[in-house]
Amino acid sequence: MSQQKKYYIIAGEASGDLHGGNLIRAIKQQDAAADIHCWGGDKMQAAGGVLVKHYRDLAFMGFIEVVKNLGTILKNLKFCKQDILAFKPDILVLIDYPGFNLRIAKWAKEQRIKVVYYISPQVWAWKENRVKMMKQCIDEMIVILPFEKSYFEDKWNWKVSYVGHPLIEEIAKKRAHSSDLAINDAAGNNNTKPVIALLPGSRKQEIEKKLPVMLEVSKAFPGYQFVVAQAPSLDSEFYHTYTHQYPNVSIVNNRTYDLLMQSKAALVTSGTATLETALFGVPEVVCYKGSEISYQIAKRVISIKYISLVNLIMDKEVVKELIQQDMNVVNLTTELNKLLNDAGRQQQIREDYVQLQQILGAGGDASAKAAAIIIKSASQ
């Protein structure tokens, strides 16, 4: 009988928890005896991972925010290393979250722990010089965006595994088992107005910057119901401090996909949510607003034309991106109006979304493919 394999998996935010949950489920299907400890969230725990630390204790974004929370980050790193050594995994699986995970990868290499990285850090966007260190520290890189394979292999002579994007299977699954979402207005009555989704992000810092601007836009569209997707790691009271004064705004908790399936359009924080929204076929405006210093630093080091995955994958502006000062009530209102009322704009987005889906592949279970690579690597 073969020895039970031990997997230690680290994800640091909501999207990592989603992909980590699917990955754990796929590992368990292929290796029923797998012993999995993880950093992540509710989805990874529900899939069968022993949750060591929740991502809500880890999520710091922006240069200034990271500096302010450096003590906590360093404590987390120290605890993580101790916990990995105590667990003695056969393999360490790192999911995105590069600021933390690349430090762990470097350390793990020194401990002779095998490292698989699933969902590459976006080194093609900034800090490209990290690739040299990554090649030395990571035993197996698994990528999910089609252009990443050629980027690593052609530019860096580093053989990586492309498994397709796990969101394709996640959203197909959701579409097949859709559940109705009853949306109530502020008075608690069922609201039948068409829906605009507001996806302000999953971290307090980003929501505080973006949600007030998004909410002001609702005043220009009294014929619509605006619905905020609440992050599972935050409580309703936090959102109510912003939404209580807007009569056509409500909140749904942990039902983002159900919300998107009912939405006519969406205002979406840059990140994985931009791709999720596009794969549900919802026209969107992409929003980004950070602290001014963080933004000025980012502007100088980021080397890509776009911030949303939709535009990056398509290599053109499919969805409008409103960044920093451009993310204001006037611009958001103008762009949302086009999405709702401009037939030409609607048609163009529909066609581009179809093409996006084709580029990412019509399915093929990314999580199962990644799990197979990880299990094989753990056995070698």
Protein backbone atom coordinates (compact mmCIF):
# COMPACT_ATOMS: atom_id res chain seq x y z
CA MET A 1 0.00 0.00 0.00
CA SER A 2 1.42 3.40 -0.98
CA GLN A 3 2.09 5.96 1.73
CA GLN A 4 -0.49 8.73 2.30
CA LYS A 5 0.53 11.92 0.50
CA LYS A 6 0.55 15.27 2.31
CA TYR A 7 -0.25 18.50 0.46
CA TYR A 8 0.19 22.03 1.83
CA ILE A 9 -1.68 24.64 -0.22
CA ILE A 10 -1.51 28.44 0.18
CA ALA A 11 -4.01 30.93 -1.29
CA GLY A 12 -4.31 34.49 -0.01
CA GLU A 13 -7.54 35.96 -1.38
CA ALA A 14 -11.12 35.20 -2.48
CA SER A 15 -10.25 34.16 -6.07
CA GLY A 16 -7.45 31.91 -4.79
CA ASP A 17 -9.92 30.31 -2.37
CA LEU A 18 -12.33 29.59 -5.26
CA HIS A 19 -9.64 27.94 -7.40
CA GLY A 20 -8.09 26.29 -4.35
CA GLY A 21 -11.44 24.75 -3.41
CA ASN A 22 -11.85 23.24 -6.87
CA LEU A 23 -8.24 22.05 -6.81
CA ILE A 24 -8.63 20.33 -3.42
CA ARG A 25 -11.81 18.63 -4.65
CA ALA A 26 -9.97 17.41 -7.76
CA ILE A 27 -6.98 16.16 -5.72
CA LYS A 28 -9.34 14.26 -3.40
CA GLN A 29 -11.06 12.67 -6.42
CA GLN A 30 -7.73 11.42 -7.77
CA ASP A 31 -6.05 10.71 -4.41
CA ALA A 32 -8.79 9.83 -1.91
CA ALA A 33 -6.32 9.48 0.99
CA ALA A 34 -4.77 12.94 0.44
CA ASP A 35 -4.00 14.84 3.66
CA ILE A 36 -4.36 18.53 2.81
CA HIS A 37 -3.55 21.52 5.01
CA CYS A 38 -4.24 24.96 3.59
CA TRP A 39 -4.27 28.71 3.88
CA GLY A 40 -7.35 30.05 2.11
CA GLY A 41 -11.02 30.38 2.93
CA ASP A 42 -14.40 28.74 3.32
CA LYS A 43 -14.37 27.09 -0.11
CA MET A 44 -11.04 25.32 0.48
CA GLN A 45 -12.23 24.20 3.90
CA ALA A 46 -15.55 22.94 2.49
CA ALA A 47 -13.66 20.96 -0.17
CA GLY A 48 -11.80 19.00 2.51
CA GLY A 49 -8.72 21.05 3.36
CA VAL A 50 -7.71 21.58 7.00
CA LEU A 51 -7.78 25.40 7.20
CA VAL A 52 -4.72 26.76 8.97
CA LYS A 53 -5.33 30.48 8.33
CA HIS A 54 -8.15 32.41 6.63
CA TYR A 55 -7.31 34.83 3.80
CA ARG A 56 -9.21 37.66 5.55
CA ASP A 57 -6.20 37.86 7.94
CA LEU A 58 -3.79 38.15 5.00
CA ALA A 59 -5.28 40.56 2.47
CA PHE A 60 -3.27 43.77 2.22
CA MET A 61 -3.19 45.56 -1.11
CA GLY A 62 -1.14 48.47 -2.43
CA PHE A 63 2.39 49.54 -1.57
CA ILE A 64 1.49 51.83 1.35
CA GLU A 65 -0.93 49.33 2.88
CA VAL A 66 1.71 46.59 2.77
CA VAL A 67 4.30 48.83 4.49
CA LYS A 68 1.78 49.78 7.20
CA ASN A 69 1.00 46.11 7.88
CA LEU A 70 4.55 44.79 7.55
CA GLY A 71 4.66 43.49 11.14
CA THR A 72 1.58 41.31 10.58
CA ILE A 73 2.90 40.07 7.23
CA LEU A 74 6.26 39.07 8.74
CA LYS A 75 4.51 37.26 11.62
CA ASN A 76 2.36 35.38 9.11
CA LEU A 77 5.45 34.37 7.10
CA LYS A 78 7.21 33.09 10.23
CA PHE A 79 4.15 31.14 11.37
CA CYS A 80 3.66 29.70 7.88
CA LYS A 81 7.24 28.38 7.72
CA GLN A 82 6.92 26.78 11.17
CA ASP A 83 3.61 25.17 10.24
CA ILE A 84 4.98 23.75 6.97
CA LEU A 85 7.98 22.26 8.77
CA ALA A 86 5.70 20.71 11.41
CA PHE A 87 3.38 19.22 8.76
CA LYS A 88 6.21 17.88 6.55
CA PRO A 89 4.32 17.95 3.23
CA ASP A 90 5.27 15.89 0.20
CA ILE A 91 4.49 18.95 -1.87
CA LEU A 92 3.84 22.65 -1.37
CA VAL A 93 1.24 24.16 -3.73
CA LEU A 94 1.20 27.96 -4.07
CA ILE A 95 -1.82 29.69 -5.66
CA ASP A 96 -1.15 33.19 -7.07
CA TYR A 97 -0.69 35.71 -4.13
CA PRO A 98 2.93 36.43 -5.15
CA GLY A 99 4.05 38.92 -2.48
CA PHE A 100 3.72 36.20 0.14
CA ASN A 101 4.00 33.00 -1.88
CA LEU A 102 7.24 33.81 -3.70
CA ARG A 103 8.94 34.39 -0.35
CA ILE A 104 7.66 31.00 0.81
CA ALA A 105 8.82 29.39 -2.47
CA LYS A 106 12.37 30.71 -2.00
CA TRP A 107 12.47 29.50 1.59
CA ALA A 108 10.94 26.09 0.69
CA LYS A 109 13.67 25.51 -1.91
CA GLU A 110 16.28 25.95 0.82
CA GLN A 111 14.41 23.34 2.91
CA ARG A 112 14.36 20.95 -0.08
CA ILE A 113 10.55 21.02 -0.17
CA LYS A 114 9.06 20.44 -3.62
CA VAL A 115 7.12 23.46 -4.91
CA VAL A 116 4.33 23.62 -7.50
CA TYR A 117 2.97 27.06 -8.40
CA TYR A 118 -0.62 27.05 -9.69
CA ILE A 119 -1.81 30.31 -11.32
CA SER A 120 1.33 32.24 -12.08
CA PRO A 121 2.16 35.62 -10.57
CA GLN A 122 1.57 38.26 -13.25
CA VAL A 123 5.28 38.79 -13.91
CA TRP A 124 4.49 39.70 -17.53
CA ALA A 125 2.86 42.85 -16.10
CA TRP A 126 5.48 43.96 -13.59
CA LYS A 127 8.57 42.77 -11.68
CA GLU A 128 9.60 40.65 -14.65
CA ASN A 129 13.03 40.17 -13.11
CA ARG A 130 11.42 37.79 -10.58
CA VAL A 131 11.24 35.08 -13.25
CA LYS A 132 14.92 34.15 -12.74
CA MET A 133 14.32 33.50 -9.03
CA MET A 134 11.05 31.67 -9.79
CA LYS A 135 12.82 29.30 -12.20
CA GLN A 136 15.26 28.39 -9.45
CA CYS A 137 12.69 27.93 -6.67
CA ILE A 138 9.66 26.42 -8.41
CA ASP A 139 9.74 22.78 -9.52
CA GLU A 140 6.57 22.96 -11.61
CA MET A 141 4.70 26.02 -12.90
CA ILE A 142 1.04 25.58 -13.93
CA VAL A 143 -0.44 28.49 -15.92
CA ILE A 144 -4.06 29.30 -16.79
CA LEU A 145 -3.81 32.06 -19.42
CA PRO A 146 -2.97 31.08 -23.01
CA PHE A 147 -0.33 33.78 -23.55
CA GLU A 148 1.56 32.77 -20.37
CA LYS A 149 2.78 29.49 -21.87
CA SER A 150 4.53 31.21 -24.77
CA TYR A 151 5.73 34.01 -22.48
CA PHE A 152 7.60 31.63 -20.14
CA GLU A 153 8.72 29.15 -22.80
CA ASP A 154 9.77 31.53 -25.60
CA LYS A 155 11.08 34.43 -23.56
CA TRP A 156 12.50 32.59 -20.53
CA ASN A 157 13.15 29.07 -21.81
CA TRP A 158 11.11 27.66 -18.93
CA LYS A 159 8.81 24.73 -19.69
CA VAL A 160 5.45 25.27 -17.98
CA SER A 161 2.12 23.41 -18.03
CA TYR A 162 -0.96 25.17 -19.45
CA VAL A 163 -4.23 23.67 -18.15
CA GLY A 164 -6.81 26.25 -19.32
CA HIS A 165 -8.72 28.64 -17.11
CA PRO A 166 -10.56 27.12 -14.10
CA LEU A 167 -13.27 29.79 -14.34
CA ILE A 168 -14.56 28.21 -17.57
CA GLU A 169 -15.58 25.02 -15.74
CA GLU A 170 -16.75 26.93 -12.65
CA ILE A 171 -19.12 29.14 -14.63
CA ALA A 172 -20.36 26.30 -16.87
CA LYS A 173 -21.20 24.39 -13.68
CA LYS A 174 -23.06 27.40 -12.29
CA ARG A 175 -25.04 27.94 -15.50
CA ALA A 176 -26.17 24.31 -15.43
CA HIS A 177 -27.48 24.59 -11.84
CA SER A 178 -28.73 28.14 -11.63
CA SER A 179 -30.77 29.13 -8.60
CA ASP A 180 -33.17 32.06 -8.51
CA LEU A 181 -32.02 35.04 -6.52
CA ALA A 182 -34.83 37.08 -4.96
CA ILE A 183 -33.74 40.67 -4.69
CA ASN A 184 -35.57 42.85 -2.16
CA ASP A 185 -35.58 46.62 -2.02
CA ALA A 186 -34.77 48.69 1.07
CA ALA A 187 -38.35 48.18 2.38
CA GLY A 188 -38.02 44.39 2.07
CA ASN A 189 -40.33 44.09 -0.95
CA ASN A 190 -39.40 41.93 -3.91
CA ASN A 191 -37.90 44.19 -6.57
CA THR A 192 -38.63 43.51 -10.22
CA LYS A 193 -36.59 46.34 -11.76
CA PRO A 194 -33.72 45.28 -14.05
CA VAL A 195 -30.49 44.72 -12.14
CA ILE A 196 -27.09 46.45 -12.27
CA ALA A 197 -24.41 44.52 -10.35
CA LEU A 198 -21.82 46.36 -8.25
CA LEU A 199 -18.69 44.29 -7.58
CA PRO A 200 -16.50 46.56 -5.42
CA GLY A 201 -13.92 43.88 -4.51
CA SER A 202 -13.23 41.62 -1.55
CA ARG A 203 -10.92 43.74 0.61
CA LYS A 204 -12.04 46.54 2.91
CA GLN A 205 -9.39 48.93 1.59
CA GLU A 206 -10.53 48.68 -2.03
CA ILE A 207 -14.25 48.75 -1.18
CA GLU A 208 -13.85 51.95 0.87
CA LYS A 209 -12.28 53.65 -2.16
CA LYS A 210 -14.64 52.42 -4.87
CA LEU A 211 -18.07 51.63 -3.45
CA PRO A 212 -19.04 55.27 -2.59
CA VAL A 213 -18.39 56.29 -6.22
CA MET A 214 -20.32 53.31 -7.60
CA LEU A 215 -23.28 54.05 -5.31
CA GLU A 216 -23.55 57.68 -6.45
CA VAL A 217 -24.04 56.40 -10.01
CA SER A 218 -27.29 54.71 -8.93
CA LYS A 219 -28.96 58.14 -8.61
CA ALA A 220 -28.78 58.59 -12.40
CA PHE A 221 -30.63 55.28 -13.06
CA PRO A 222 -33.86 55.28 -11.00
CA GLY A 223 -35.38 52.63 -13.30
CA TYR A 224 -32.80 50.06 -12.21
CA GLN A 225 -32.05 48.17 -9.02
CA PHE A 226 -28.35 48.30 -8.08
CA VAL A 227 -27.15 45.26 -6.14
CA VAL A 228 -23.85 45.09 -4.26
CA ALA A 229 -22.07 41.73 -4.15
CA GLN A 230 -20.95 41.35 -0.54
CA ALA A 231 -17.59 39.65 0.01
CA PRO A 232 -17.99 36.54 2.20
CA SER A 233 -15.18 37.71 4.50
CA LEU A 234 -16.93 41.00 5.42
CA ASP A 235 -20.12 41.63 7.38
CA SER A 236 -23.30 43.34 6.18
CA GLU A 237 -22.97 46.23 8.64
CA PHE A 238 -19.82 47.39 6.87
CA TYR A 239 -21.78 47.70 3.60
CA HIS A 240 -24.87 49.26 5.19
CA THR A 241 -22.81 52.25 6.36
CA TYR A 242 -22.46 53.06 2.63
CA THR A 243 -25.74 51.82 1.12
CA HIS A 244 -28.41 52.93 3.63
CA GLN A 245 -28.98 56.32 1.96
CA TYR A 246 -29.60 54.87 -1.53
CA PRO A 247 -33.20 53.63 -2.00
CA ASN A 248 -32.52 51.64 -5.20
CA VAL A 249 -29.51 49.76 -3.78
CA SER A 250 -29.52 46.39 -2.02
CA ILE A 251 -26.92 43.81 -0.99
CA VAL A 252 -26.57 40.08 -1.60
CA ASN A 253 -24.16 37.94 0.35
CA ASN A 254 -22.07 35.18 -1.22
CA ARG A 255 -24.29 35.03 -4.33
CA THR A 256 -22.15 36.88 -6.88
CA TYR A 257 -22.70 34.34 -9.67
CA ASP A 258 -26.48 34.29 -9.14
CA LEU A 259 -26.40 38.08 -9.22
CA LEU A 260 -24.41 38.20 -12.48
CA MET A 261 -26.83 35.78 -14.13
CA GLN A 262 -29.62 38.32 -13.57
CA SER A 263 -27.70 41.52 -14.37
CA LYS A 264 -28.06 43.79 -17.39
CA ALA A 265 -24.65 45.40 -16.73
CA ALA A 266 -22.02 45.65 -13.99
CA LEU A 267 -19.47 47.99 -12.45
CA VAL A 268 -16.55 45.76 -11.50
CA THR A 269 -13.32 46.13 -9.57
CA SER A 270 -10.24 45.11 -11.57
CA GLY A 271 -9.15 41.53 -10.89
CA THR A 272 -10.62 38.07 -11.44
CA ALA A 273 -14.15 39.48 -11.21
CA THR A 274 -13.71 41.25 -14.57
CA LEU A 275 -13.21 37.88 -16.27
CA GLU A 276 -16.04 36.21 -14.34
CA THR A 277 -18.43 38.99 -15.39
CA ALA A 278 -17.41 38.64 -19.06
CA LEU A 279 -17.80 34.86 -19.02
CA PHE A 280 -21.37 35.33 -17.77
CA GLY A 281 -21.89 37.62 -20.77
CA VAL A 282 -22.58 40.75 -18.69
CA PRO A 283 -21.43 44.09 -20.20
CA GLU A 284 -19.16 45.82 -17.67
CA VAL A 285 -17.12 48.87 -16.77
CA VAL A 286 -13.84 48.05 -15.00
CA CYS A 287 -12.98 50.23 -12.00
CA TYR A 288 -9.73 50.81 -10.15
CA LYS A 289 -8.96 53.36 -7.44
CA GLY A 290 -6.13 52.98 -4.93
CA SER A 291 -4.26 55.31 -2.60
CA GLU A 292 -2.56 58.04 -4.65
CA ILE A 293 0.98 57.03 -3.63
CA SER A 294 0.33 53.33 -4.39
CA TYR A 295 -1.12 54.31 -7.76
CA GLN A 296 1.84 56.54 -8.68
CA ILE A 297 4.30 53.77 -7.81
CA ALA A 298 2.25 51.16 -9.74
CA LYS A 299 2.04 53.41 -12.80
CA ARG A 300 5.83 53.54 -12.97
CA VAL A 301 6.46 49.81 -12.61
CA ILE A 302 3.56 48.19 -14.49
CA SER A 303 4.40 47.51 -18.12
CA ILE A 304 1.05 46.48 -19.63
CA LYS A 305 -1.55 48.36 -21.65
CA TYR A 306 -4.58 47.17 -19.69
CA ILE A 307 -5.48 46.25 -16.11
CA SER A 308 -8.41 43.90 -16.75
CA LEU A 309 -7.92 40.25 -17.69
CA VAL A 310 -10.59 40.58 -20.39
CA ASN A 311 -8.61 43.22 -22.29
CA LEU A 312 -5.25 41.56 -21.61
CA ILE A 313 -6.37 38.22 -23.02
CA MET A 314 -8.02 39.83 -26.05
CA ASP A 315 -5.14 42.30 -26.46
CA LYS A 316 -7.58 45.18 -27.13
CA GLU A 317 -10.05 47.34 -25.23
CA VAL A 318 -13.14 45.16 -25.03
CA VAL A 319 -14.37 46.71 -21.78
CA LYS A 320 -13.85 50.29 -20.63
CA GLU A 321 -11.29 50.74 -17.84
CA LEU A 322 -11.69 53.74 -15.53
CA ILE A 323 -8.58 54.12 -13.40
CA GLN A 324 -7.89 56.42 -10.43
CA GLN A 325 -9.16 60.00 -11.18
CA ASP A 326 -11.00 58.70 -14.26
CA MET A 327 -13.09 56.51 -11.97
CA ASN A 328 -15.59 59.20 -11.08
CA VAL A 329 -19.39 59.50 -11.07
CA VAL A 330 -19.60 61.37 -14.40
CA ASN A 331 -17.47 58.86 -16.34
CA LEU A 332 -19.10 55.81 -14.76
CA THR A 333 -22.57 57.19 -15.54
CA THR A 334 -21.59 57.88 -19.16
CA GLU A 335 -20.14 54.41 -19.70
CA LEU A 336 -22.98 52.59 -17.95
CA ASN A 337 -25.47 54.52 -20.07
CA LYS A 338 -23.71 53.24 -23.23
CA LEU A 339 -23.86 49.64 -21.98
CA LEU A 340 -27.60 49.92 -21.33
CA ASN A 341 -28.73 52.01 -24.29
CA ASP A 342 -26.20 51.89 -27.15
CA ALA A 343 -27.14 48.94 -29.42
CA GLY A 344 -23.81 49.10 -31.32
CA ARG A 345 -21.80 48.97 -28.11
CA GLN A 346 -23.88 46.05 -26.81
CA GLN A 347 -23.38 44.08 -30.06
CA GLN A 348 -19.60 44.67 -30.06
CA ILE A 349 -19.24 43.47 -26.48
CA ARG A 350 -21.32 40.35 -27.20
CA GLU A 351 -19.09 39.44 -30.17
CA ASP A 352 -15.90 40.07 -28.20
CA TYR A 353 -17.14 37.94 -25.30
CA VAL A 354 -17.79 35.01 -27.64
CA GLN A 355 -14.24 35.31 -28.95
CA LEU A 356 -12.87 35.52 -25.39
CA GLN A 357 -14.62 32.28 -24.49
CA GLN A 358 -13.14 30.59 -27.58
CA ILE A 359 -9.61 31.76 -26.73
CA LEU A 360 -9.88 30.38 -23.18
CA GLY A 361 -11.28 27.07 -24.41
CA ALA A 362 -14.76 25.64 -24.27
CA GLY A 363 -14.06 23.60 -21.14
CA GLY A 364 -11.52 20.97 -20.30
CA ASP A 365 -11.29 20.59 -16.56
CA ALA A 366 -8.40 22.86 -15.52
CA SER A 367 -8.64 21.83 -11.86
CA ALA A 368 -8.47 18.11 -12.69
CA LYS A 369 -5.50 18.65 -15.01
CA ALA A 370 -3.69 20.72 -12.37
CA ALA A 371 -4.46 18.10 -9.70
CA ALA A 372 -2.98 15.33 -11.88
CA ILE A 373 0.27 17.32 -12.32
CA ILE A 374 0.46 18.04 -8.57
CA ILE A 375 -0.20 14.41 -7.54
CA LYS A 376 2.42 13.16 -10.00
CA SER A 377 4.91 15.70 -8.71
CA ALA A 378 4.20 14.71 -5.09
CA SER A 379 4.92 11.07 -5.94
CA GLN A 380 8.29 11.67 -7.66
